Amino acid sequence: WKKFFTYQVKQTQDSLLIHLQDRNPQVAKACKT
C-alpha cells in the first residue's frame, strides 16, 4: 500500500501542517507524532 498511502499523505499535508497548531494541545501533540 506504499504508493496508495504516499498519495493519501500528500493529500493530507495541509491538515498535518494546520493541526500542528491545533487549539487542543493533545491533538497538536498527536499531529506532531
PDB file of all heavy atoms in Angstrom:
ATOM      1  N   TRP A   1       0.807  -1.215   0.000  1.00  0.00           N
ATOM      2  CA  TRP A   1       0.000   0.000   0.000  1.00  0.00           C
ATOM      3  C   TRP A   1       0.842   1.267   0.000  1.00  0.00           C
ATOM      4  O   TRP A   1       0.323   2.358   0.227  1.00  0.00           O
ATOM      5  CB  TRP A   1      -0.929   0.006   1.229  1.00  0.00           C
ATOM      6  CG  TRP A   1      -1.834  -1.179   1.286  1.00  0.00           C
ATOM      7  CD1 TRP A   1      -1.802  -2.208   2.177  1.00  0.00           C
ATOM      8  CD2 TRP A   1      -2.909  -1.473   0.388  1.00  0.00           C
ATOM      9  NE1 TRP A   1      -2.776  -3.127   1.904  1.00  0.00           N
ATOM     10  CE2 TRP A   1      -3.483  -2.697   0.806  1.00  0.00           C
ATOM     11  CE3 TRP A   1      -3.449  -0.820  -0.724  1.00  0.00           C
ATOM     12  CZ2 TRP A   1      -4.557  -3.284   0.165  1.00  0.00           C
ATOM     13  CZ3 TRP A   1      -4.524  -1.412  -1.389  1.00  0.00           C
ATOM     14  CH2 TRP A   1      -5.066  -2.621  -0.944  1.00  0.00           C
ATOM     15  N   LYS A   2       2.144   1.151  -0.238  1.00  0.00           N
ATOM     16  CA  LYS A   2       3.033   2.311  -0.160  1.00  0.00           C
ATOM     17  C   LYS A   2       2.626   3.417  -1.135  1.00  0.00           C
ATOM     18  O   LYS A   2       2.537   4.591  -0.770  1.00  0.00           O
ATOM     19  CB  LYS A   2       4.483   1.894  -0.422  1.00  0.00           C
ATOM     20  CG  LYS A   2       5.472   3.046  -0.256  1.00  0.00           C
ATOM     21  CD  LYS A   2       6.909   2.586  -0.439  1.00  0.00           C
ATOM     22  CE  LYS A   2       7.862   3.758  -0.254  1.00  0.00           C
ATOM     23  NZ  LYS A   2       9.271   3.352  -0.437  1.00  0.00           N
ATOM     24  N   LYS A   3       2.378   3.051  -2.387  1.00  0.00           N
ATOM     25  CA  LYS A   3       2.020   4.052  -3.398  1.00  0.00           C
ATOM     26  C   LYS A   3       0.700   4.726  -3.042  1.00  0.00           C
ATOM     27  O   LYS A   3       0.566   5.955  -3.119  1.00  0.00           O
ATOM     28  CB  LYS A   3       1.919   3.390  -4.767  1.00  0.00           C
ATOM     29  CG  LYS A   3       1.714   4.371  -5.909  1.00  0.00           C
ATOM     30  CD  LYS A   3       1.737   3.646  -7.249  1.00  0.00           C
ATOM     31  CE  LYS A   3       1.541   4.625  -8.402  1.00  0.00           C
ATOM     32  NZ  LYS A   3       1.556   3.924  -9.722  1.00  0.00           N
ATOM     33  N   PHE A   4      -0.278   3.921  -2.639  1.00  0.00           N
ATOM     34  CA  PHE A   4      -1.586   4.454  -2.249  1.00  0.00           C
ATOM     35  C   PHE A   4      -1.457   5.395  -1.059  1.00  0.00           C
ATOM     36  O   PHE A   4      -1.982   6.512  -1.060  1.00  0.00           O
ATOM     37  CB  PHE A   4      -2.539   3.307  -1.906  1.00  0.00           C
ATOM     38  CG  PHE A   4      -3.747   3.716  -1.113  1.00  0.00           C
ATOM     39  CD1 PHE A   4      -4.817   4.350  -1.731  1.00  0.00           C
ATOM     40  CD2 PHE A   4      -3.817   3.485   0.264  1.00  0.00           C
ATOM     41  CE1 PHE A   4      -5.932   4.741  -0.994  1.00  0.00           C
ATOM     42  CE2 PHE A   4      -4.920   3.868   1.003  1.00  0.00           C
ATOM     43  CZ  PHE A   4      -5.980   4.499   0.360  1.00  0.00           C
ATOM     44  N   PHE A   5      -0.706   4.967  -0.034  1.00  0.00           N
ATOM     45  CA  PHE A   5      -0.606   5.771   1.179  1.00  0.00           C
ATOM     46  C   PHE A   5       0.220   7.032   0.956  1.00  0.00           C
ATOM     47  O   PHE A   5      -0.051   8.069   1.559  1.00  0.00           O
ATOM     48  CB  PHE A   5      -0.026   4.941   2.329  1.00  0.00           C
ATOM     49  CG  PHE A   5      -0.277   5.549   3.676  1.00  0.00           C
ATOM     50  CD1 PHE A   5      -1.535   5.497   4.248  1.00  0.00           C
ATOM     51  CD2 PHE A   5       0.738   6.184   4.380  1.00  0.00           C
ATOM     52  CE1 PHE A   5      -1.786   6.068   5.492  1.00  0.00           C
ATOM     53  CE2 PHE A   5       0.507   6.754   5.612  1.00  0.00           C
ATOM     54  CZ  PHE A   5      -0.754   6.690   6.168  1.00  0.00           C
ATOM     55  N   THR A   6       1.215   6.941   0.087  1.00  0.00           N
ATOM     56  CA  THR A   6       2.010   8.136  -0.242  1.00  0.00           C
ATOM     57  C   THR A   6       1.112   9.226  -0.809  1.00  0.00           C
ATOM     58  O   THR A   6       1.213  10.400  -0.434  1.00  0.00           O
ATOM     59  CB  THR A   6       3.102   7.786  -1.267  1.00  0.00           C
ATOM     60  OG1 THR A   6       4.000   6.837  -0.683  1.00  0.00           O
ATOM     61  CG2 THR A   6       3.896   9.024  -1.667  1.00  0.00           C
ATOM     62  N   TYR A   7       0.210   8.835  -1.690  1.00  0.00           N
ATOM     63  CA  TYR A   7      -0.735   9.802  -2.273  1.00  0.00           C
ATOM     64  C   TYR A   7      -1.644  10.371  -1.185  1.00  0.00           C
ATOM     65  O   TYR A   7      -1.915  11.582  -1.162  1.00  0.00           O
ATOM     66  CB  TYR A   7      -1.565   9.124  -3.359  1.00  0.00           C
ATOM     67  CG  TYR A   7      -2.610  10.028  -3.962  1.00  0.00           C
ATOM     68  CD1 TYR A   7      -2.257  11.014  -4.888  1.00  0.00           C
ATOM     69  CD2 TYR A   7      -3.951   9.916  -3.592  1.00  0.00           C
ATOM     70  CE1 TYR A   7      -3.212  11.856  -5.434  1.00  0.00           C
ATOM     71  CE2 TYR A   7      -4.909  10.757  -4.133  1.00  0.00           C
ATOM     72  CZ  TYR A   7      -4.539  11.724  -5.052  1.00  0.00           C
ATOM     73  OH  TYR A   7      -5.491  12.554  -5.584  1.00  0.00           O
ATOM     74  N   GLN A   8      -2.125   9.520  -0.272  1.00  0.00           N
ATOM     75  CA  GLN A   8      -3.006   9.979   0.795  1.00  0.00           C
ATOM     76  C   GLN A   8      -2.302  10.966   1.726  1.00  0.00           C
ATOM     77  O   GLN A   8      -2.890  11.962   2.152  1.00  0.00           O
ATOM     78  CB  GLN A   8      -3.522   8.779   1.611  1.00  0.00           C
ATOM     79  CG  GLN A   8      -4.382   7.810   0.833  1.00  0.00           C
ATOM     80  CD  GLN A   8      -5.579   8.466   0.195  1.00  0.00           C
ATOM     81  OE1 GLN A   8      -6.284   9.253   0.837  1.00  0.00           O
ATOM     82  NE2 GLN A   8      -5.827   8.165  -1.072  1.00  0.00           N
ATOM     83  N   VAL A   9      -1.036  10.710   2.027  1.00  0.00           N
ATOM     84  CA  VAL A   9      -0.273  11.610   2.898  1.00  0.00           C
ATOM     85  C   VAL A   9      -0.087  12.966   2.234  1.00  0.00           C
ATOM     86  O   VAL A   9      -0.232  14.014   2.868  1.00  0.00           O
ATOM     87  CB  VAL A   9       1.094  10.991   3.261  1.00  0.00           C
ATOM     88  CG1 VAL A   9       1.986  12.024   3.963  1.00  0.00           C
ATOM     89  CG2 VAL A   9       0.899   9.785   4.173  1.00  0.00           C
ATOM     90  N   LYS A  10       0.229  12.953   0.951  1.00  0.00           N
ATOM     91  CA  LYS A  10       0.427  14.221   0.245  1.00  0.00           C
ATOM     92  C   LYS A  10      -0.879  15.012   0.153  1.00  0.00           C
ATOM     93  O   LYS A  10      -0.866  16.244   0.206  1.00  0.00           O
ATOM     94  CB  LYS A  10       1.020  13.955  -1.136  1.00  0.00           C
ATOM     95  CG  LYS A  10       2.468  13.492  -1.038  1.00  0.00           C
ATOM     96  CD  LYS A  10       3.114  13.278  -2.380  1.00  0.00           C
ATOM     97  CE  LYS A  10       4.579  12.883  -2.189  1.00  0.00           C
ATOM     98  NZ  LYS A  10       5.267  12.608  -3.468  1.00  0.00           N
ATOM     99  N   GLN A  11      -1.996  14.299   0.065  1.00  0.00           N
ATOM    100  CA  GLN A  11      -3.296  14.971   0.078  1.00  0.00           C
ATOM    101  C   GLN A  11      -3.634  15.518   1.461  1.00  0.00           C
ATOM    102  O   GLN A  11      -4.442  16.426   1.604  1.00  0.00           O
ATOM    103  CB  GLN A  11      -4.398  13.985  -0.349  1.00  0.00           C
ATOM    104  CG  GLN A  11      -4.332  13.544  -1.800  1.00  0.00           C
ATOM    105  CD  GLN A  11      -4.578  14.690  -2.765  1.00  0.00           C
ATOM    106  OE1 GLN A  11      -3.656  15.167  -3.424  1.00  0.00           O
ATOM    107  NE2 GLN A  11      -5.796  15.142  -2.857  1.00  0.00           N
ATOM    108  N   THR A  12      -3.003  14.949   2.471  1.00  0.00           N
ATOM    109  CA  THR A  12      -3.279  15.321   3.862  1.00  0.00           C
ATOM    110  C   THR A  12      -2.281  16.339   4.391  1.00  0.00           C
ATOM    111  O   THR A  12      -2.399  16.815   5.526  1.00  0.00           O
ATOM    112  CB  THR A  12      -3.235  14.049   4.750  1.00  0.00           C
ATOM    113  OG1 THR A  12      -4.028  13.035   4.141  1.00  0.00           O
ATOM    114  CG2 THR A  12      -3.777  14.289   6.137  1.00  0.00           C
ATOM    115  N   GLN A  13      -1.308  16.702   3.610  1.00  0.00           N
ATOM    116  CA  GLN A  13      -0.214  17.559   4.066  1.00  0.00           C
ATOM    117  C   GLN A  13      -0.697  18.856   4.700  1.00  0.00           C
ATOM    118  O   GLN A  13      -0.210  19.270   5.753  1.00  0.00           O
ATOM    119  CB  GLN A  13       0.716  17.873   2.894  1.00  0.00           C
ATOM    120  CG  GLN A  13       1.915  18.726   3.256  1.00  0.00           C
ATOM    121  CD  GLN A  13       2.847  18.918   2.067  1.00  0.00           C
ATOM    122  OE1 GLN A  13       3.359  17.965   1.511  1.00  0.00           O
ATOM    123  NE2 GLN A  13       3.029  20.167   1.663  1.00  0.00           N
ATOM    124  N   ASP A  14      -1.691  19.496   4.099  1.00  0.00           N
ATOM    125  CA  ASP A  14      -2.204  20.759   4.646  1.00  0.00           C
ATOM    126  C   ASP A  14      -2.819  20.563   6.030  1.00  0.00           C
ATOM    127  O   ASP A  14      -2.636  21.387   6.930  1.00  0.00           O
ATOM    128  CB  ASP A  14      -3.234  21.375   3.700  1.00  0.00           C
ATOM    129  CG  ASP A  14      -2.584  21.962   2.452  1.00  0.00           C
ATOM    130  OD1 ASP A  14      -1.350  22.153   2.456  1.00  0.00           O
ATOM    131  OD2 ASP A  14      -3.307  22.213   1.463  1.00  0.00           O
ATOM    132  N   SER A  15      -3.563  19.458   6.200  1.00  0.00           N
ATOM    133  CA  SER A  15      -4.167  19.174   7.504  1.00  0.00           C
ATOM    134  C   SER A  15      -3.100  18.941   8.558  1.00  0.00           C
ATOM    135  O   SER A  15      -3.219  19.395   9.706  1.00  0.00           O
ATOM    136  CB  SER A  15      -5.077  17.939   7.409  1.00  0.00           C
ATOM    137  OG  SER A  15      -6.197  18.198   6.602  1.00  0.00           O
ATOM    138  N   LEU A  16      -2.048  18.240   8.173  1.00  0.00           N
ATOM    139  CA  LEU A  16      -0.953  17.990   9.109  1.00  0.00           C
ATOM    140  C   LEU A  16      -0.302  19.290   9.559  1.00  0.00           C
ATOM    141  O   LEU A  16      -0.002  19.481  10.742  1.00  0.00           O
ATOM    142  CB  LEU A  16       0.091  17.077   8.452  1.00  0.00           C
ATOM    143  CG  LEU A  16      -0.336  15.618   8.224  1.00  0.00           C
ATOM    144  CD1 LEU A  16       0.669  14.912   7.326  1.00  0.00           C
ATOM    145  CD2 LEU A  16      -0.478  14.884   9.550  1.00  0.00           C
ATOM    146  N   LEU A  17      -0.100  20.207   8.623  1.00  0.00           N
ATOM    147  CA  LEU A  17       0.517  21.494   8.953  1.00  0.00           C
ATOM    148  C   LEU A  17      -0.400  22.349   9.830  1.00  0.00           C
ATOM    149  O   LEU A  17       0.040  22.980  10.796  1.00  0.00           O
ATOM    150  CB  LEU A  17       0.866  22.246   7.669  1.00  0.00           C
ATOM    151  CG  LEU A  17       2.059  21.696   6.874  1.00  0.00           C
ATOM    152  CD1 LEU A  17       2.118  22.325   5.488  1.00  0.00           C
ATOM    153  CD2 LEU A  17       3.360  21.947   7.631  1.00  0.00           C
ATOM    154  N   ILE A  18      -1.679  22.379   9.488  1.00  0.00           N
ATOM    155  CA  ILE A  18      -2.643  23.187  10.249  1.00  0.00           C
ATOM    156  C   ILE A  18      -2.735  22.728  11.693  1.00  0.00           C
ATOM    157  O   ILE A  18      -2.696  23.532  12.633  1.00  0.00           O
ATOM    158  CB  ILE A  18      -4.035  23.135   9.588  1.00  0.00           C
ATOM    159  CG1 ILE A  18      -4.024  23.903   8.264  1.00  0.00           C
ATOM    160  CG2 ILE A  18      -5.108  23.697  10.524  1.00  0.00           C
ATOM    161  CD1 ILE A  18      -5.258  23.685   7.418  1.00  0.00           C
ATOM    162  N   HIS A  19      -2.828  21.404  11.887  1.00  0.00           N
ATOM    163  CA  HIS A  19      -3.087  20.894  13.238  1.00  0.00           C
ATOM    164  C   HIS A  19      -1.836  20.754  14.094  1.00  0.00           C
ATOM    165  O   HIS A  19      -1.935  20.367  15.261  1.00  0.00           O
ATOM    166  CB  HIS A  19      -3.857  19.574  13.153  1.00  0.00           C
ATOM    167  CG  HIS A  19      -5.246  19.754  12.618  1.00  0.00           C
ATOM    168  ND1 HIS A  19      -6.228  20.412  13.324  1.00  0.00           N
ATOM    169  CD2 HIS A  19      -5.793  19.416  11.424  1.00  0.00           C
ATOM    170  CE1 HIS A  19      -7.342  20.444  12.601  1.00  0.00           C
ATOM    171  NE2 HIS A  19      -7.092  19.859  11.450  1.00  0.00           N
ATOM    172  N   LEU A  20      -0.681  21.111  13.530  1.00  0.00           N
ATOM    173  CA  LEU A  20       0.489  21.269  14.387  1.00  0.00           C
ATOM    174  C   LEU A  20       0.264  22.410  15.372  1.00  0.00           C
ATOM    175  O   LEU A  20       0.887  22.477  16.433  1.00  0.00           O
ATOM    176  CB  LEU A  20       1.739  21.555  13.537  1.00  0.00           C
ATOM    177  CG  LEU A  20       2.354  20.370  12.792  1.00  0.00           C
ATOM    178  CD1 LEU A  20       3.432  20.850  11.837  1.00  0.00           C
ATOM    179  CD2 LEU A  20       2.915  19.337  13.764  1.00  0.00           C
ATOM    180  N   GLN A  21      -0.659  23.318  14.985  1.00  0.00           N
ATOM    181  CA  GLN A  21      -1.040  24.452  15.839  1.00  0.00           C
ATOM    182  C   GLN A  21      -2.482  24.297  16.337  1.00  0.00           C
ATOM    183  O   GLN A  21      -3.173  25.284  16.577  1.00  0.00           O
ATOM    184  CB  GLN A  21      -0.913  25.759  15.046  1.00  0.00           C
ATOM    185  CG  GLN A  21       0.466  26.009  14.456  1.00  0.00           C
ATOM    186  CD  GLN A  21       1.499  26.249  15.538  1.00  0.00           C
ATOM    187  OE1 GLN A  21       1.215  26.870  16.544  1.00  0.00           O
ATOM    188  NE2 GLN A  21       2.706  25.744  15.326  1.00  0.00           N
ATOM    189  N   ASP A  22      -2.939  23.063  16.486  1.00  0.00           N
ATOM    190  CA  ASP A  22      -4.318  22.812  16.907  1.00  0.00           C
ATOM    191  C   ASP A  22      -4.622  23.475  18.250  1.00  0.00           C
ATOM    192  O   ASP A  22      -3.748  23.564  19.119  1.00  0.00           O
ATOM    193  CB  ASP A  22      -4.568  21.302  17.004  1.00  0.00           C
ATOM    194  CG  ASP A  22      -6.042  20.940  17.058  1.00  0.00           C
ATOM    195  OD1 ASP A  22      -6.634  21.045  18.160  1.00  0.00           O
ATOM    196  OD2 ASP A  22      -6.602  20.573  16.019  1.00  0.00           O
ATOM    197  N   ARG A  23      -5.868  23.927  18.399  1.00  0.00           N
ATOM    198  CA  ARG A  23      -6.274  24.592  19.641  1.00  0.00           C
ATOM    199  C   ARG A  23      -6.200  23.647  20.843  1.00  0.00           C
ATOM    200  O   ARG A  23      -6.077  24.094  21.983  1.00  0.00           O
ATOM    201  CB  ARG A  23      -7.710  25.126  19.495  1.00  0.00           C
ATOM    202  CG  ARG A  23      -8.765  24.042  19.307  1.00  0.00           C
ATOM    203  CD  ARG A  23     -10.173  24.614  19.283  1.00  0.00           C
ATOM    204  NE  ARG A  23     -11.189  23.588  19.142  1.00  0.00           N
ATOM    205  CZ  ARG A  23     -11.684  23.185  17.996  1.00  0.00           C
ATOM    206  NH1 ARG A  23     -11.241  23.735  16.867  1.00  0.00           N
ATOM    207  NH2 ARG A  23     -12.614  22.251  17.933  1.00  0.00           N
ATOM    208  N   ASN A  24      -6.294  22.340  20.576  1.00  0.00           N
ATOM    209  CA  ASN A  24      -6.196  21.352  21.648  1.00  0.00           C
ATOM    210  C   ASN A  24      -4.758  20.827  21.712  1.00  0.00           C
ATOM    211  O   ASN A  24      -4.274  20.242  20.748  1.00  0.00           O
ATOM    212  CB  ASN A  24      -7.169  20.196  21.384  1.00  0.00           C
ATOM    213  CG  ASN A  24      -7.220  19.199  22.524  1.00  0.00           C
ATOM    214  OD1 ASN A  24      -6.199  18.677  22.953  1.00  0.00           O
ATOM    215  ND2 ASN A  24      -8.415  18.921  23.010  1.00  0.00           N
ATOM    216  N   PRO A  25      -4.058  21.030  22.826  1.00  0.00           N
ATOM    217  CA  PRO A  25      -2.649  20.621  22.922  1.00  0.00           C
ATOM    218  C   PRO A  25      -2.418  19.134  22.662  1.00  0.00           C
ATOM    219  O   PRO A  25      -1.405  18.746  22.079  1.00  0.00           O
ATOM    220  CB  PRO A  25      -2.267  20.985  24.362  1.00  0.00           C
ATOM    221  CG  PRO A  25      -3.266  22.003  24.783  1.00  0.00           C
ATOM    222  CD  PRO A  25      -4.533  21.671  24.062  1.00  0.00           C
ATOM    223  N   GLN A  26      -3.383  18.289  23.098  1.00  0.00           N
ATOM    224  CA  GLN A  26      -3.235  16.851  22.891  1.00  0.00           C
ATOM    225  C   GLN A  26      -3.314  16.491  21.412  1.00  0.00           C
ATOM    226  O   GLN A  26      -2.594  15.620  20.923  1.00  0.00           O
ATOM    227  CB  GLN A  26      -4.306  16.092  23.684  1.00  0.00           C
ATOM    228  CG  GLN A  26      -4.146  16.173  25.189  1.00  0.00           C
ATOM    229  CD  GLN A  26      -2.820  15.612  25.673  1.00  0.00           C
ATOM    230  OE1 GLN A  26      -2.395  14.545  25.231  1.00  0.00           O
ATOM    231  NE2 GLN A  26      -2.150  16.324  26.563  1.00  0.00           N
ATOM    232  N   VAL A  27      -4.220  17.173  20.699  1.00  0.00           N
ATOM    233  CA  VAL A  27      -4.350  16.938  19.250  1.00  0.00           C
ATOM    234  C   VAL A  27      -3.077  17.399  18.541  1.00  0.00           C
ATOM    235  O   VAL A  27      -2.564  16.722  17.652  1.00  0.00           O
ATOM    236  CB  VAL A  27      -5.577  17.675  18.673  1.00  0.00           C
ATOM    237  CG1 VAL A  27      -5.644  17.508  17.153  1.00  0.00           C
ATOM    238  CG2 VAL A  27      -6.861  17.139  19.315  1.00  0.00           C
ATOM    239  N   ALA A  28      -2.558  18.575  18.938  1.00  0.00           N
ATOM    240  CA  ALA A  28      -1.334  19.096  18.333  1.00  0.00           C
ATOM    241  C   ALA A  28      -0.161  18.128  18.550  1.00  0.00           C
ATOM    242  O   ALA A  28       0.641  17.889  17.639  1.00  0.00           O
ATOM    243  CB  ALA A  28      -1.002  20.466  18.922  1.00  0.00           C
ATOM    244  N   LYS A  29      -0.087  17.548  19.747  1.00  0.00           N
ATOM    245  CA  LYS A  29       0.977  16.589  20.052  1.00  0.00           C
ATOM    246  C   LYS A  29       0.830  15.326  19.206  1.00  0.00           C
ATOM    247  O   LYS A  29       1.823  14.797  18.677  1.00  0.00           O
ATOM    248  CB  LYS A  29       0.926  16.244  21.548  1.00  0.00           C
ATOM    249  CG  LYS A  29       2.073  15.370  22.016  1.00  0.00           C
ATOM    250  CD  LYS A  29       1.984  15.135  23.515  1.00  0.00           C
ATOM    251  CE  LYS A  29       3.131  14.232  23.979  1.00  0.00           C
ATOM    252  NZ  LYS A  29       3.048  13.991  25.454  1.00  0.00           N
ATOM    253  N   ALA A  30      -0.407  14.837  19.084  1.00  0.00           N
ATOM    254  CA  ALA A  30      -0.649  13.639  18.265  1.00  0.00           C
ATOM    255  C   ALA A  30      -0.332  13.908  16.802  1.00  0.00           C
ATOM    256  O   ALA A  30       0.219  13.053  16.102  1.00  0.00           O
ATOM    257  CB  ALA A  30      -2.107  13.192  18.414  1.00  0.00           C
ATOM    258  N   CYS A  31      -0.657  15.120  16.341  1.00  0.00           N
ATOM    259  CA  CYS A  31      -0.379  15.511  14.960  1.00  0.00           C
ATOM    260  C   CYS A  31       1.124  15.525  14.705  1.00  0.00           C
ATOM    261  O   CYS A  31       1.594  15.053  13.655  1.00  0.00           O
ATOM    262  CB  CYS A  31      -0.988  16.882  14.667  1.00  0.00           C
ATOM    263  SG  CYS A  31      -0.637  17.485  13.009  1.00  0.00           S
ATOM    264  N   LYS A  32       1.877  16.047  15.658  1.00  0.00           N
ATOM    265  CA  LYS A  32       3.335  16.118  15.504  1.00  0.00           C
ATOM    266  C   LYS A  32       3.934  14.716  15.392  1.00  0.00           C
ATOM    267  O   LYS A  32       4.816  14.462  14.554  1.00  0.00           O
ATOM    268  CB  LYS A  32       3.934  16.875  16.695  1.00  0.00           C
ATOM    269  CG  LYS A  32       5.419  17.159  16.547  1.00  0.00           C
ATOM    270  CD  LYS A  32       5.898  18.022  17.701  1.00  0.00           C
ATOM    271  CE  LYS A  32       7.385  18.338  17.572  1.00  0.00           C
ATOM    272  NZ  LYS A  32       7.862  19.191  18.687  1.00  0.00           N
ATOM    273  N   THR A  33       3.456  13.801  16.229  1.00  0.00           N
ATOM    274  CA  THR A  33       3.932  12.413  16.189  1.00  0.00           C
ATOM    275  C   THR A  33       3.590  11.764  14.856  1.00  0.00           C
ATOM    276  O   THR A  33       4.414  11.057  14.256  1.00  0.00           O
ATOM    277  CB  THR A  33       3.302  11.605  17.342  1.00  0.00           C
ATOM    278  OG1 THR A  33       3.641  12.223  18.590  1.00  0.00           O
ATOM    279  CG2 THR A  33       3.794  10.173  17.335  1.00  0.00           C
TER     280      THR A  33
END
